[in-house]
Protein backbone atom coordinates (compact mmCIF):
# COMPACT_ATOMS: atom_id res chain seq x y z
CA MET A 1 -0.69 23.42 -7.75
CA LEU A 2 -0.38 25.23 -4.41
CA GLN A 3 -2.38 22.49 -2.70
CA ILE A 4 0.01 19.85 -4.07
CA ALA A 5 3.07 21.76 -2.81
CA LEU A 6 1.43 22.36 0.58
CA THR A 7 0.51 18.68 1.00
CA LEU A 8 4.00 17.48 0.11
CA ALA A 9 5.58 20.05 2.44
CA ILE A 10 3.38 18.88 5.33
CA PHE A 11 4.39 15.29 4.56
CA VAL A 12 8.12 16.05 4.70
CA LEU A 13 7.74 17.98 7.96
CA ALA A 14 5.51 15.37 9.59
CA VAL A 15 7.53 12.33 8.57
CA ILE A 16 10.63 13.40 10.54
CA PRO A 17 9.16 13.27 14.08
CA MET A 18 7.07 10.22 13.15
CA GLY A 19 10.17 8.42 11.88
CA ARG A 20 11.97 9.15 15.13
CA TYR A 21 9.01 7.92 17.17
CA MET A 22 8.71 4.71 15.12
CA TYR A 23 12.43 4.08 15.46
CA HIS A 24 12.21 4.31 19.23
CA ILE A 25 9.29 1.86 19.19
CA ALA A 26 11.11 -0.61 16.92
CA ALA A 27 14.38 -0.35 18.86
CA LYS A 28 12.57 -0.40 22.26
CA LYS A 29 14.00 2.94 23.25
CA LYS A 30 12.27 5.38 25.58
CA THR A 31 9.37 7.50 24.34
CA PHE A 32 7.17 10.07 26.05
CA ALA A 33 4.22 7.65 25.98
CA ASP A 34 5.93 4.70 27.70
CA PRO A 35 4.43 5.20 31.18
CA PHE A 36 0.93 4.65 29.78
CA PHE A 37 1.51 2.21 26.93
CA ASP A 38 3.86 -0.07 28.87
CA ARG A 39 0.95 -0.86 31.20
CA VAL A 40 -1.40 -1.46 28.26
CA ASP A 41 1.08 -3.69 26.43
CA ASN A 42 2.01 -5.69 29.52
CA GLY A 43 -1.66 -6.34 30.17
CA ILE A 44 -2.07 -7.67 26.60
CA TYR A 45 1.01 -9.88 26.99
CA ARG A 46 -0.36 -11.38 30.21
CA ILE A 47 -3.88 -11.97 28.86
CA CYS A 48 -2.65 -13.50 25.60
CA ARG A 49 0.27 -15.30 27.31
CA ILE A 50 2.76 -13.86 24.87
CA ASP A 51 6.36 -14.96 25.34
CA ARG A 52 8.49 -12.06 24.14
CA LYS A 53 11.50 -14.21 23.39
CA GLY A 54 13.41 -13.29 20.24
CA MET A 55 12.75 -15.29 17.06
CA ASN A 56 14.85 -16.40 14.11
CA TRP A 57 13.48 -15.74 10.62
CA LYS A 58 11.75 -19.11 10.30
CA THR A 59 9.93 -18.78 13.61
CA TYR A 60 9.02 -15.17 12.87
CA ALA A 61 7.58 -16.03 9.44
CA LEU A 62 5.72 -19.08 10.79
CA ASN A 63 4.05 -17.09 13.58
CA LEU A 64 3.07 -14.34 11.13
CA LEU A 65 1.45 -16.89 8.83
CA MET A 66 -0.34 -18.72 11.64
CA ALA A 67 -1.73 -15.54 13.18
CA ASN A 68 -2.96 -14.35 9.80
CA ALA A 69 -4.50 -17.78 9.05
CA VAL A 70 -6.54 -17.76 12.27
CA MET A 71 -7.90 -14.30 11.48
CA VAL A 72 -8.74 -15.36 7.91
CA PHE A 73 -10.75 -18.34 9.15
CA ALA A 74 -12.66 -16.31 11.76
CA GLY A 75 -13.36 -13.47 9.33
CA TYR A 76 -14.60 -15.84 6.63
CA LEU A 77 -17.16 -17.29 9.05
CA VAL A 78 -18.46 -13.82 9.94
CA LEU A 79 -18.94 -12.90 6.27
CA ARG A 80 -20.81 -16.13 5.57
CA LEU A 81 -23.00 -15.81 8.68
CA GLN A 82 -23.55 -12.03 8.78
CA TYR A 83 -27.24 -12.43 7.88
CA VAL A 84 -27.97 -14.14 11.23
CA LEU A 85 -25.65 -12.02 13.38
CA PHE A 86 -26.39 -8.73 15.13
CA LEU A 87 -25.67 -5.14 13.99
CA ASN A 88 -27.39 -5.74 10.67
CA PRO A 89 -30.14 -3.10 10.61
CA ASN A 90 -30.32 -3.06 6.80
CA GLY A 91 -30.87 -6.82 6.51
CA ILE A 92 -27.75 -7.64 4.47
CA GLU A 93 -27.63 -11.26 3.25
CA ALA A 94 -24.69 -13.66 3.56
CA MET A 95 -21.77 -13.05 1.22
CA GLU A 96 -21.32 -15.56 -1.62
CA PRO A 97 -18.49 -18.14 -1.01
CA THR A 98 -15.99 -17.05 -3.70
CA LEU A 99 -16.64 -13.39 -2.91
CA SER A 100 -16.09 -14.15 0.79
CA PHE A 101 -12.81 -15.86 -0.11
CA ASN A 102 -11.70 -12.86 -2.17
CA THR A 103 -12.75 -10.36 0.48
CA ILE A 104 -11.11 -12.07 3.44
CA ILE A 105 -7.83 -12.61 1.57
CA SER A 106 -8.01 -9.03 0.34
CA PHE A 107 -8.25 -7.47 3.78
CA MET A 108 -5.82 -9.83 5.51
CA THR A 109 -3.14 -9.10 2.91
CA ASN A 110 -3.55 -5.33 3.31
CA THR A 111 -4.95 -5.15 -0.25
CA ASN A 112 -8.61 -4.25 0.32
CA LEU A 113 -9.64 -4.97 -3.24
CA GLN A 114 -13.45 -4.86 -3.26
CA HIS A 115 -15.61 -6.85 -5.65
CA TYR A 116 -18.67 -5.69 -3.71
CA SER A 117 -20.21 -2.37 -2.73
CA GLY A 118 -19.72 -1.76 0.98
CA GLU A 119 -23.09 -0.18 1.72
CA SER A 120 -25.03 -3.12 0.26
CA GLY A 121 -22.61 -6.04 0.74
CA LEU A 122 -21.69 -5.91 4.43
CA SER A 123 -23.49 -5.55 7.74
CA TYR A 124 -22.15 -3.11 10.35
CA LEU A 125 -20.76 -6.08 12.30
CA SER A 126 -18.82 -7.29 9.26
CA GLN A 127 -17.56 -3.77 8.58
CA MET A 128 -16.16 -3.54 12.12
CA LEU A 129 -15.30 -7.11 13.16
CA VAL A 130 -13.80 -8.12 9.81
CA ILE A 131 -12.94 -5.08 7.71
CA ILE A 132 -11.83 -2.51 10.31
CA PHE A 133 -10.22 -5.16 12.54
CA MET A 134 -8.16 -6.52 9.66
CA MET A 135 -7.20 -3.03 8.58
CA PHE A 136 -5.38 -2.78 11.92
CA THR A 137 -3.91 -6.28 12.00
CA SER A 138 -2.81 -6.45 8.35
CA ALA A 139 -1.04 -3.10 8.65
CA ALA A 140 0.59 -4.19 11.91
CA SER A 141 1.69 -7.49 10.32
CA GLY A 142 3.37 -5.66 7.43
CA TYR A 143 5.10 -3.23 9.77
CA ALA A 144 6.28 -6.06 12.03
CA ALA A 145 7.81 -7.92 9.07
CA CYS A 146 9.51 -4.72 7.91
CA MET A 147 11.06 -4.03 11.32
CA ALA A 148 12.29 -7.62 11.55
CA PHE A 149 13.79 -7.25 8.07
CA CYS A 150 15.53 -3.99 9.05
CA ARG A 151 16.97 -5.59 12.21
CA GLY A 152 18.46 -8.34 10.08
CA LEU A 153 20.08 -5.88 7.68
CA ALA A 154 21.30 -3.60 10.46
CA GLY A 155 22.93 -6.60 12.20
CA LYS A 156 22.88 -5.02 15.66
CA SER A 157 20.78 -7.67 17.42
CA LYS A 158 20.98 -11.42 17.96
CA ASP A 159 17.60 -12.14 16.40
CA LEU A 160 14.81 -10.54 14.35
CA GLY A 161 12.67 -9.70 17.39
CA ASN A 162 9.31 -11.10 18.44
CA PHE A 163 6.41 -10.97 15.98
CA TYR A 164 3.67 -10.65 18.58
CA GLU A 165 5.50 -7.95 20.52
CA ASP A 166 6.12 -5.95 17.33
CA MET A 167 2.47 -6.31 16.34
CA VAL A 168 1.17 -5.21 19.74
CA ARG A 169 3.48 -2.21 20.00
CA ILE A 170 2.67 -0.78 16.56
CA THR A 171 -1.06 -1.28 17.15
CA THR A 172 -1.28 0.28 20.60
CA ARG A 173 1.32 3.04 20.17
CA ILE A 174 0.67 4.20 16.60
CA LEU A 175 -2.36 2.81 14.80
CA ILE A 176 -5.00 3.15 17.53
CA PRO A 177 -4.02 6.58 18.97
CA TRP A 178 -3.52 8.24 15.58
CA SER A 179 -6.73 6.70 14.27
CA LEU A 180 -8.61 8.26 17.18
CA ILE A 181 -7.07 11.69 16.59
CA PHE A 182 -7.51 11.83 12.82
CA GLY A 183 -10.87 10.06 13.06
CA LEU A 184 -12.23 12.89 15.20
CA VAL A 185 -11.06 15.36 12.53
CA LEU A 186 -13.05 13.46 9.91
CA ILE A 187 -16.15 13.43 12.12
CA TRP A 188 -15.72 17.17 12.72
CA GLN A 189 -15.63 17.73 8.96
CA GLY A 190 -18.78 15.68 8.32
CA CYS A 191 -17.96 11.95 8.10
CA PRO A 192 -20.84 9.92 9.64
CA GLU A 193 -20.17 7.63 12.60
CA THR A 194 -23.37 5.87 13.63
CA PHE A 195 -25.06 2.49 14.09
CA GLY A 196 -28.32 3.82 12.69
CA SER A 197 -29.86 2.30 9.59
CA ASN A 198 -29.87 3.93 6.15
CA ILE A 199 -31.78 7.19 5.83
CA THR A 200 -34.47 7.86 3.21
CA VAL A 201 -35.01 11.52 2.31
CA GLU A 202 -37.20 13.42 -0.14
CA THR A 203 -35.20 15.31 -2.76
CA ILE A 204 -35.98 18.80 -4.08
CA HIS A 205 -37.57 17.08 -7.07
CA GLY A 206 -40.01 15.30 -4.78
CA LYS A 207 -38.45 11.85 -5.19
CA LEU A 208 -37.15 9.53 -2.47
CA GLN A 209 -33.45 8.72 -2.14
CA ASP A 210 -31.63 6.38 0.25
CA PHE A 211 -28.41 7.47 1.98
CA ALA A 212 -26.13 4.75 3.35
CA MET A 213 -25.01 5.35 6.94
CA GLY A 214 -22.85 3.48 9.45
CA PRO A 215 -19.46 3.68 11.22
CA ILE A 216 -17.87 5.35 8.19
CA ALA A 217 -15.32 7.60 9.95
CA ALA A 218 -13.83 4.66 11.90
CA LEU A 219 -13.17 2.73 8.71
CA GLU A 220 -12.12 5.78 6.75
CA ILE A 221 -9.19 6.76 8.95
CA ILE A 222 -7.57 3.35 9.43
CA LYS A 223 -7.95 2.55 5.72
CA HIS A 224 -5.61 5.49 5.05
CA LEU A 225 -3.34 5.33 8.09
CA GLY A 226 -2.76 1.61 7.60
CA THR A 227 -2.42 2.00 3.80
CA ASN A 228 -5.35 -0.36 3.46
CA GLY A 229 -7.70 1.16 0.90
CA GLY A 230 -11.19 0.07 0.06
CA GLY A 231 -14.17 2.02 1.30
CA PHE A 232 -17.34 1.84 3.35
CA LEU A 233 -19.20 3.09 0.29
CA GLY A 234 -18.85 1.85 -3.26
CA ALA A 235 -17.75 5.23 -4.62
CA ASN A 236 -14.98 5.37 -2.01
CA SER A 237 -13.29 8.65 -1.06
CA SER A 238 -14.94 10.54 -3.92
CA THR A 239 -18.18 10.66 -1.87
CA PRO A 240 -18.92 13.53 0.55
CA PHE A 241 -19.61 11.02 3.34
CA GLU A 242 -16.10 9.54 3.12
CA ASN A 243 -14.27 12.69 2.04
CA PRO A 244 -16.41 15.80 2.72
CA THR A 245 -13.94 18.69 2.28
CA VAL A 246 -10.50 19.71 1.06
CA ILE A 247 -9.35 19.47 4.70
CA THR A 248 -10.34 15.80 4.89
CA ASP A 249 -8.72 15.22 1.51
CA ILE A 250 -5.39 16.53 2.82
CA VAL A 251 -5.78 14.61 6.10
CA GLU A 252 -6.38 11.40 4.16
CA LEU A 253 -3.39 12.08 1.90
CA ILE A 254 -1.05 12.71 4.82
CA SER A 255 -2.45 9.70 6.69
CA MET A 256 -1.53 7.27 3.94
CA MET A 257 1.87 8.87 3.32
CA ILE A 258 3.25 9.35 6.80
CA LEU A 259 3.88 5.81 8.06
CA PRO A 260 5.47 4.37 4.88
CA GLY A 261 7.70 7.45 4.73
CA ALA A 262 8.55 7.11 8.42
CA CYS A 263 9.53 3.46 7.89
CA VAL A 264 12.37 4.64 5.62
CA LEU A 265 13.63 7.01 8.31
CA THR A 266 13.39 4.20 10.86
CA PHE A 267 15.54 1.99 8.62
CA GLY A 268 18.13 4.76 8.26
CA LYS A 269 18.35 5.26 12.02
CA MET A 270 18.64 1.53 12.68
CA CYS A 271 21.55 1.20 10.24
CA GLN A 272 23.37 4.35 11.31
CA ASP A 273 26.77 3.89 12.96
CA ARG A 274 27.24 6.64 15.51
CA LYS A 275 29.10 7.36 18.70
CA ARG A 276 27.27 7.77 21.99
CA LYS A 277 27.83 11.50 22.17
CA GLU A 278 26.51 12.17 18.67
CA LYS A 279 22.94 13.26 18.14
CA GLU A 280 20.46 10.88 16.58
CA PRO A 281 20.45 11.49 12.80
CA VAL A 282 17.33 12.86 11.13
CA PHE A 283 17.42 10.32 8.31
CA GLY A 284 20.56 8.28 8.62
CA LYS A 285 22.75 8.05 5.53
CA GLN A 286 21.30 4.76 4.27
CA GLY A 287 17.73 5.90 4.86
CA ARG A 288 18.40 9.21 3.12
CA THR A 289 19.54 7.39 -0.03
CA ILE A 290 16.44 5.17 -0.16
CA PHE A 291 14.10 8.08 0.63
CA ALA A 292 15.66 10.19 -2.14
CA ALA A 293 15.32 7.41 -4.73
CA MET A 294 11.67 6.83 -3.81
CA SER A 295 10.98 10.58 -3.92
CA VAL A 296 12.50 10.96 -7.41
CA ILE A 297 10.35 8.16 -8.85
CA PHE A 298 7.26 9.52 -7.06
CA LEU A 299 7.76 13.06 -8.37
CA ILE A 300 8.35 11.84 -11.94
CA GLY A 301 5.08 9.89 -11.78
CA LEU A 302 3.18 12.77 -10.20
CA THR A 303 4.39 15.18 -12.88
CA LEU A 304 3.39 12.85 -15.70
CA CYS A 305 -0.05 12.22 -14.22
CA PHE A 306 -0.66 15.93 -13.54
CA VAL A 307 0.47 17.08 -17.00
CA SER A 308 -1.55 14.35 -18.75
CA GLU A 309 -4.74 15.21 -16.88
CA LYS A 310 -4.22 18.94 -17.41
CA ALA A 311 -3.85 18.37 -21.15
CA GLY A 312 -7.39 17.03 -21.28
CA ASN A 313 -8.99 14.63 -23.73
CA PRO A 314 -8.67 15.56 -27.44
CA VAL A 315 -11.76 13.52 -28.36
CA LEU A 316 -13.92 15.55 -25.97
CA GLU A 317 -12.31 18.74 -27.24
CA THR A 318 -13.30 17.79 -30.79
CA ALA A 319 -16.85 17.11 -29.56
CA GLY A 320 -17.08 20.70 -28.35
CA ILE A 321 -16.49 20.11 -24.62
CA SER A 322 -13.99 22.62 -23.23
CA GLN A 323 -10.81 21.11 -21.76
CA GLU A 324 -9.50 24.34 -20.22
CA MET A 325 -9.84 22.82 -16.73
CA GLY A 326 -8.19 19.62 -17.91
CA SER A 327 -9.80 16.21 -18.09
CA MET A 328 -12.60 16.52 -15.52
CA GLU A 329 -14.36 13.30 -16.50
CA GLY A 330 -14.76 11.12 -13.41
CA LYS A 331 -13.45 13.81 -11.03
CA GLU A 332 -15.06 15.74 -8.20
CA VAL A 333 -15.32 19.47 -8.91
CA ARG A 334 -14.33 20.28 -5.33
CA PHE A 335 -10.96 18.53 -5.85
CA GLY A 336 -10.29 19.27 -9.52
CA VAL A 337 -7.41 17.92 -11.56
CA ASP A 338 -4.69 18.99 -9.09
CA GLN A 339 -5.89 17.11 -6.03
CA SER A 340 -7.14 14.21 -8.13
CA ALA A 341 -3.73 13.73 -9.78
CA LEU A 342 -2.00 13.94 -6.40
CA PHE A 343 -4.44 11.51 -4.77
CA THR A 344 -4.11 9.08 -7.69
CA THR A 345 -0.31 9.07 -7.54
CA VAL A 346 -0.16 8.86 -3.75
CA THR A 347 -2.70 6.06 -3.35
CA THR A 348 -0.86 3.81 -5.82
CA SER A 349 2.67 4.82 -4.81
CA PHE A 350 1.95 4.20 -1.14
CA THR A 351 -0.21 1.19 -2.18
CA THR A 352 -3.28 2.30 -0.28
CA GLY A 353 -5.94 1.80 -2.95
CA THR A 354 -8.42 4.43 -1.86
CA VAL A 355 -9.57 6.81 -4.63
CA ASN A 356 -11.09 10.29 -4.82
CA ASN A 357 -11.75 10.04 -8.57
CA MET A 358 -12.62 7.33 -11.09
CA HIS A 359 -9.31 5.87 -12.30
CA ASP A 360 -11.08 4.26 -15.25
CA THR A 361 -11.66 7.75 -16.71
CA LEU A 362 -8.06 8.94 -16.39
CA THR A 363 -6.27 9.85 -19.60
CA PRO A 364 -4.13 6.97 -20.96
CA LEU A 365 -0.81 8.32 -19.66
CA GLY A 366 -2.46 9.60 -16.48
CA GLY A 367 -3.75 6.08 -15.86
CA MET A 368 -0.39 4.55 -16.74
CA VAL A 369 1.23 6.27 -13.74
CA PRO A 370 -0.75 4.42 -11.04
CA LEU A 371 -0.47 1.22 -13.07
CA LEU A 372 3.32 1.55 -13.37
CA HIS A 373 3.82 2.44 -9.72
CA MET A 374 1.88 -0.66 -8.66
CA MET A 375 4.03 -2.70 -11.03
CA LEU A 376 7.16 -1.23 -9.41
CA ASN A 377 5.70 -1.73 -5.91
CA CYS A 378 8.59 0.09 -4.26
CA VAL A 379 7.71 3.80 -4.44
CA PHE A 380 7.32 4.11 -0.65
CA GLY A 381 4.74 1.34 -0.90
CA GLY A 382 2.43 0.11 1.84
CA LYS A 383 3.19 -0.27 5.51
CA GLY A 384 6.86 -1.33 5.34
CA VAL A 385 6.43 -3.45 2.20
CA GLY A 386 7.59 -0.70 -0.18
CA LEU A 387 10.80 -0.22 1.83
CA MET A 388 11.52 -3.95 1.79
CA ASN A 389 10.99 -4.09 -1.98
CA MET A 390 13.21 -1.06 -2.62
CA LEU A 391 15.94 -2.70 -0.55
CA MET A 392 15.71 -5.68 -2.91
CA TYR A 393 16.60 -3.31 -5.73
CA ALA A 394 19.41 -1.86 -3.60
CA ILE A 395 20.89 -5.33 -3.10
CA LEU A 396 20.48 -6.00 -6.84
CA ALA A 397 22.27 -2.73 -7.60
CA VAL A 398 25.32 -3.53 -5.44
CA PHE A 399 25.41 -7.06 -6.88
CA ILE A 400 25.49 -5.79 -10.47
CA CYS A 401 28.14 -3.20 -9.65
CA GLY A 402 30.17 -5.78 -7.76
CA LEU A 403 30.22 -8.04 -10.81
CA MET A 404 31.41 -5.13 -12.96
CA VAL A 405 34.55 -4.61 -10.87
CA GLY A 406 35.15 -8.25 -9.98
CA ARG A 407 34.43 -7.96 -6.23
CA THR A 408 32.07 -9.84 -3.96
CA PRO A 409 29.24 -7.31 -3.53
CA GLU A 410 28.50 -5.94 -0.07
CA TYR A 411 25.56 -4.11 1.44
CA LEU A 412 25.62 -2.58 4.91
CA GLY A 413 28.88 -4.41 5.64
CA LYS A 414 27.55 -7.87 4.74
CA LYS A 415 28.61 -9.88 1.69
CA ILE A 416 25.86 -10.55 -0.85
CA GLU A 417 26.29 -14.09 -2.10
CA GLY A 418 24.40 -16.71 -4.08
CA ARG A 419 21.78 -17.52 -1.42
CA GLU A 420 20.76 -13.89 -0.99
CA MET A 421 20.61 -13.23 -4.73
CA LYS A 422 18.40 -16.27 -5.37
CA LEU A 423 15.94 -14.97 -2.79
CA VAL A 424 16.13 -11.42 -4.19
CA ALA A 425 15.45 -12.82 -7.67
CA LEU A 426 12.43 -14.72 -6.30
CA VAL A 427 10.99 -11.55 -4.77
CA LEU A 428 11.52 -9.49 -7.92
CA ILE A 429 10.22 -12.18 -10.29
CA VAL A 430 7.08 -13.33 -8.45
CA HIS A 431 5.41 -9.91 -8.71
CA PRO A 432 5.53 -9.55 -12.54
CA LEU A 433 4.84 -13.27 -12.90
CA LEU A 434 1.55 -12.90 -11.05
CA ILE A 435 0.54 -9.75 -12.96
CA LEU A 436 1.44 -10.88 -16.46
CA GLY A 437 0.56 -14.53 -15.91
CA PHE A 438 -2.95 -13.92 -14.62
CA SER A 439 -3.51 -11.15 -17.21
CA ALA A 440 -2.61 -13.58 -19.99
CA LEU A 441 -5.01 -16.13 -18.50
CA ALA A 442 -7.81 -13.54 -18.32
CA VAL A 443 -7.54 -12.44 -21.96
CA SER A 444 -7.23 -16.02 -23.25
CA THR A 445 -10.25 -17.58 -21.49
CA GLN A 446 -13.95 -16.98 -21.93
CA ALA A 447 -14.49 -16.50 -18.19
CA GLY A 448 -11.91 -13.72 -18.14
CA LEU A 449 -13.12 -12.03 -21.32
CA GLU A 450 -16.69 -11.87 -20.02
CA GLY A 451 -15.61 -9.44 -17.30
CA ILE A 452 -13.96 -6.91 -19.66
CA SER A 453 -16.33 -4.03 -20.42
CA ASN A 454 -14.08 -1.98 -22.72
CA PRO A 455 -12.79 -3.31 -26.05
CA GLY A 456 -9.32 -2.73 -27.41
CA PHE A 457 -6.37 -1.14 -25.62
CA HIS A 458 -8.31 0.16 -22.62
CA GLY A 459 -9.73 -3.30 -21.95
CA LEU A 460 -6.19 -4.67 -21.62
CA SER A 461 -5.29 -1.78 -19.29
CA GLN A 462 -8.24 -2.74 -17.09
CA VAL A 463 -7.00 -6.30 -16.80
CA LEU A 464 -3.39 -5.28 -16.12
CA TYR A 465 -4.57 -2.77 -13.52
CA GLU A 466 -6.69 -5.36 -11.70
CA TYR A 467 -3.87 -7.87 -11.29
CA ALA A 468 -1.22 -5.21 -10.60
CA SER A 469 -3.47 -3.87 -7.85
CA ALA A 470 -4.01 -7.36 -6.43
CA SER A 471 -0.37 -8.45 -6.58
CA ALA A 472 0.93 -5.16 -5.16
CA ASN A 473 -1.61 -5.34 -2.31
CA ASN A 474 -3.05 -2.01 -3.44
CA GLY A 475 -6.77 -2.60 -3.95
CA SER A 476 -7.76 0.22 -6.30
CA GLY A 477 -9.27 -0.60 -9.68
CA PHE A 478 -10.28 0.86 -13.01
CA GLU A 479 -13.74 -0.38 -11.97
CA GLY A 480 -14.83 -1.04 -15.54
CA LEU A 481 -14.52 -4.78 -14.99
CA SER A 482 -17.42 -7.04 -14.10
CA ASP A 483 -15.16 -8.60 -11.50
CA ASN A 484 -17.63 -10.22 -9.09
CA SER A 485 -17.51 -13.63 -10.75
CA TYR A 486 -15.95 -16.98 -9.91
CA PHE A 487 -13.03 -16.35 -12.25
CA TRP A 488 -12.10 -12.89 -11.04
CA ASN A 489 -12.76 -13.61 -7.35
CA ILE A 490 -10.54 -16.68 -7.33
CA THR A 491 -7.70 -15.44 -9.55
CA THR A 492 -7.33 -12.06 -7.86
CA GLY A 493 -7.57 -13.79 -4.48
CA LEU A 494 -4.64 -16.02 -5.42
CA ALA A 495 -2.69 -13.03 -6.76
CA MET A 496 -3.20 -11.18 -3.46
CA PHE A 497 -2.21 -14.20 -1.37
CA PHE A 498 0.96 -15.12 -3.24
CA GLY A 499 1.90 -11.48 -3.86
CA ARG A 500 1.89 -10.84 -0.12
CA TYR A 501 3.31 -13.93 1.54
CA ILE A 502 5.90 -15.26 -0.90
CA ALA A 503 7.70 -11.92 -0.85
CA ILE A 504 7.53 -11.50 2.94
CA ILE A 505 8.85 -15.01 3.63
CA ALA A 506 11.72 -14.61 1.15
CA GLN A 507 12.62 -11.18 2.56
CA LEU A 508 12.67 -12.51 6.13
CA ALA A 509 14.94 -15.33 4.90
CA ILE A 510 17.31 -12.71 3.43
CA ALA A 511 17.28 -10.82 6.75
CA GLY A 512 18.07 -14.01 8.66
CA SER A 513 20.89 -14.89 6.27
CA LEU A 514 22.52 -11.46 6.50
CA LEU A 515 22.11 -11.34 10.29
CA ALA A 516 24.09 -14.56 10.62
CA LYS A 517 27.03 -13.17 8.63
CA LYS A 518 29.99 -11.33 10.06
CA SER A 519 30.47 -7.70 9.12
CA THR A 520 33.29 -6.87 6.74
CA ARG A 521 35.55 -3.87 7.06
CA VAL A 522 35.12 -0.97 4.67
CA SER A 523 37.93 -0.84 2.13
CA ILE A 524 38.86 1.29 -0.86
CA GLY A 525 36.99 -1.14 -3.10
CA THR A 526 33.75 -1.03 -1.09
CA MET A 527 30.90 0.54 -3.00
CA ARG A 528 29.26 3.35 -1.06
CA THR A 529 25.50 3.10 -0.77
CA ASP A 530 24.88 6.36 1.06
CA ASN A 531 25.62 8.98 -1.59
CA THR A 532 23.99 10.70 -4.57
CA VAL A 533 25.62 8.38 -7.11
CA PHE A 534 23.96 5.34 -5.56
CA THR A 535 20.61 7.16 -5.45
CA ILE A 536 20.80 7.79 -9.21
CA LEU A 537 21.96 4.22 -9.84
CA LEU A 538 19.05 2.85 -7.78
CA VAL A 539 16.49 4.89 -9.72
CA PHE A 540 17.93 3.62 -13.03
CA ILE A 541 17.93 0.00 -11.83
CA VAL A 542 14.26 0.25 -10.87
CA TYR A 543 13.24 1.81 -14.18
CA ILE A 544 15.37 -0.56 -16.28
CA PHE A 545 13.90 -3.60 -14.53
CA ALA A 546 10.39 -2.22 -15.03
CA ALA A 547 11.03 -1.39 -18.68
CA LEU A 548 12.37 -4.84 -19.49
CA THR A 549 9.53 -6.55 -17.64
CA PHE A 550 6.42 -4.47 -18.21
CA PHE A 551 6.99 -2.22 -21.24
CA PRO A 552 5.57 -4.67 -23.82
CA ALA A 553 2.32 -4.92 -21.84
CA LEU A 554 2.16 -1.16 -21.27
CA ALA A 555 2.81 -0.56 -24.97
CA LEU A 556 -0.26 -2.63 -25.84
CA GLY A 557 -2.38 -0.88 -23.22
CA PRO A 558 -2.07 2.77 -22.12
CA VAL A 559 0.68 3.76 -24.59
CA ALA A 560 -1.27 2.47 -27.60
CA GLU A 561 -4.46 4.11 -26.30
CA HIS A 562 -2.63 7.44 -25.92
CA LEU A 563 -1.29 7.30 -29.48
CA THR A 564 -4.77 6.44 -30.76
CA LEU A 565 -6.37 9.43 -28.99
CA TRP A 566 -3.80 12.02 -29.96
CA PHE A 567 -2.60 10.93 -33.41
CA SER A 568 -5.47 9.07 -35.07
């Protein structure tokens, strides 16, 4: 419990200076690092011939899609040809076509869902040139879209900015330097970083055992800092090579929390109206409201997951296995229930997807928390995406309240009209449509049923989890599915693709629409969106939407499984 409180305290303290730094980068204000990074960035602009002219939302979205498409094509070729390329000391064969499709879409969409085991499925070249490279670029793409979206809502600029400039600045000024710093901490604590081949050792029982090696620390840090997920090794961050100590566990937790949290502060600062002589706000009133709503939902989920895992498994208790330590099935002893519950809630709230325990062995309600938070997809979320999704709920909230009092709803001084609400509805509907639609397809076809390893309620939870993870660009899994098949590779690939790009395009369209509107004056009838009342309203709107959309599916999965375990 103390470790949980300490980790959350570090997060709150660290997110404040990081939010200020990210705001200065997004707003092109001075930072202490400008003398060095301005030279680096200008060199990149010259070499790549980047025109830093401002873009409207259509141009911004088109350039984001084109840049991502080029990287998808190049990465797919590497995966298919890795067997003839260099840096392949373990002789890894080419990746199968549908698995290559799934993998390249997964890492370009910041999902990092893995239907392969990293140590046996990828060469070192593929790990670095495809996986690690896309962990940087997918995170930078999401951040760039978020900053463009915030500029549109703030309405203080003539355009949404330049996609390539945003992408370069976040990569050179945040992702690379912090990856180097935290990466060295991981190496210091025992994460391998080598180009040597796998090592075979003789165990104390006199048998031989292979240990997978490679540039593990380099992948490990950017997968957390960029809220990517996945893992160099199949067992992910539960292995000592990826997560050796409690120190690395905390570093990895803070790494995946800090940038999504800082994005909320950046939004608050961008929207803050202040006079020149006033100090820069810590949060900004609008950012404070969003941060508080996200924190409430996160803490409710964390509490439920922690209490459920501490309660243990009654079936194992009946079998004579002590549950005094809680449900330790699938958990590392060095982390225990406390750090496992925190890691589980964080990785699915911040949509990272890395795991330090086996989610498939969580108690029903403990497993429902990560599933629900991926279904919500707005509890801090991934790099900027969670903030954008929560702002959709904020716009929905002011629209509903506006209808109740007979006024045209407003948000941040801009009127919310039919065009914006149609786009908001598209964003909010496409996510559950992908999850529930593909889940229904999986349980109604032979190809889908063949991948389900657990019968009954838990089998449905596995399916829901897989598509929620794919659609939310999370990447974690219950891992009980036999998911490396044509059906699962193609359907989850489509869920990742549409879950990522439909939402981003619609959100950029909303930003462009609001940017073009004139600001309205605050009147006595204007609904305030910077106070405690709106925070509570926003939390209720999120939960009501989730209950109406997902409760029937959850009732047939984790809820039914919980009732079966405890009351049968």
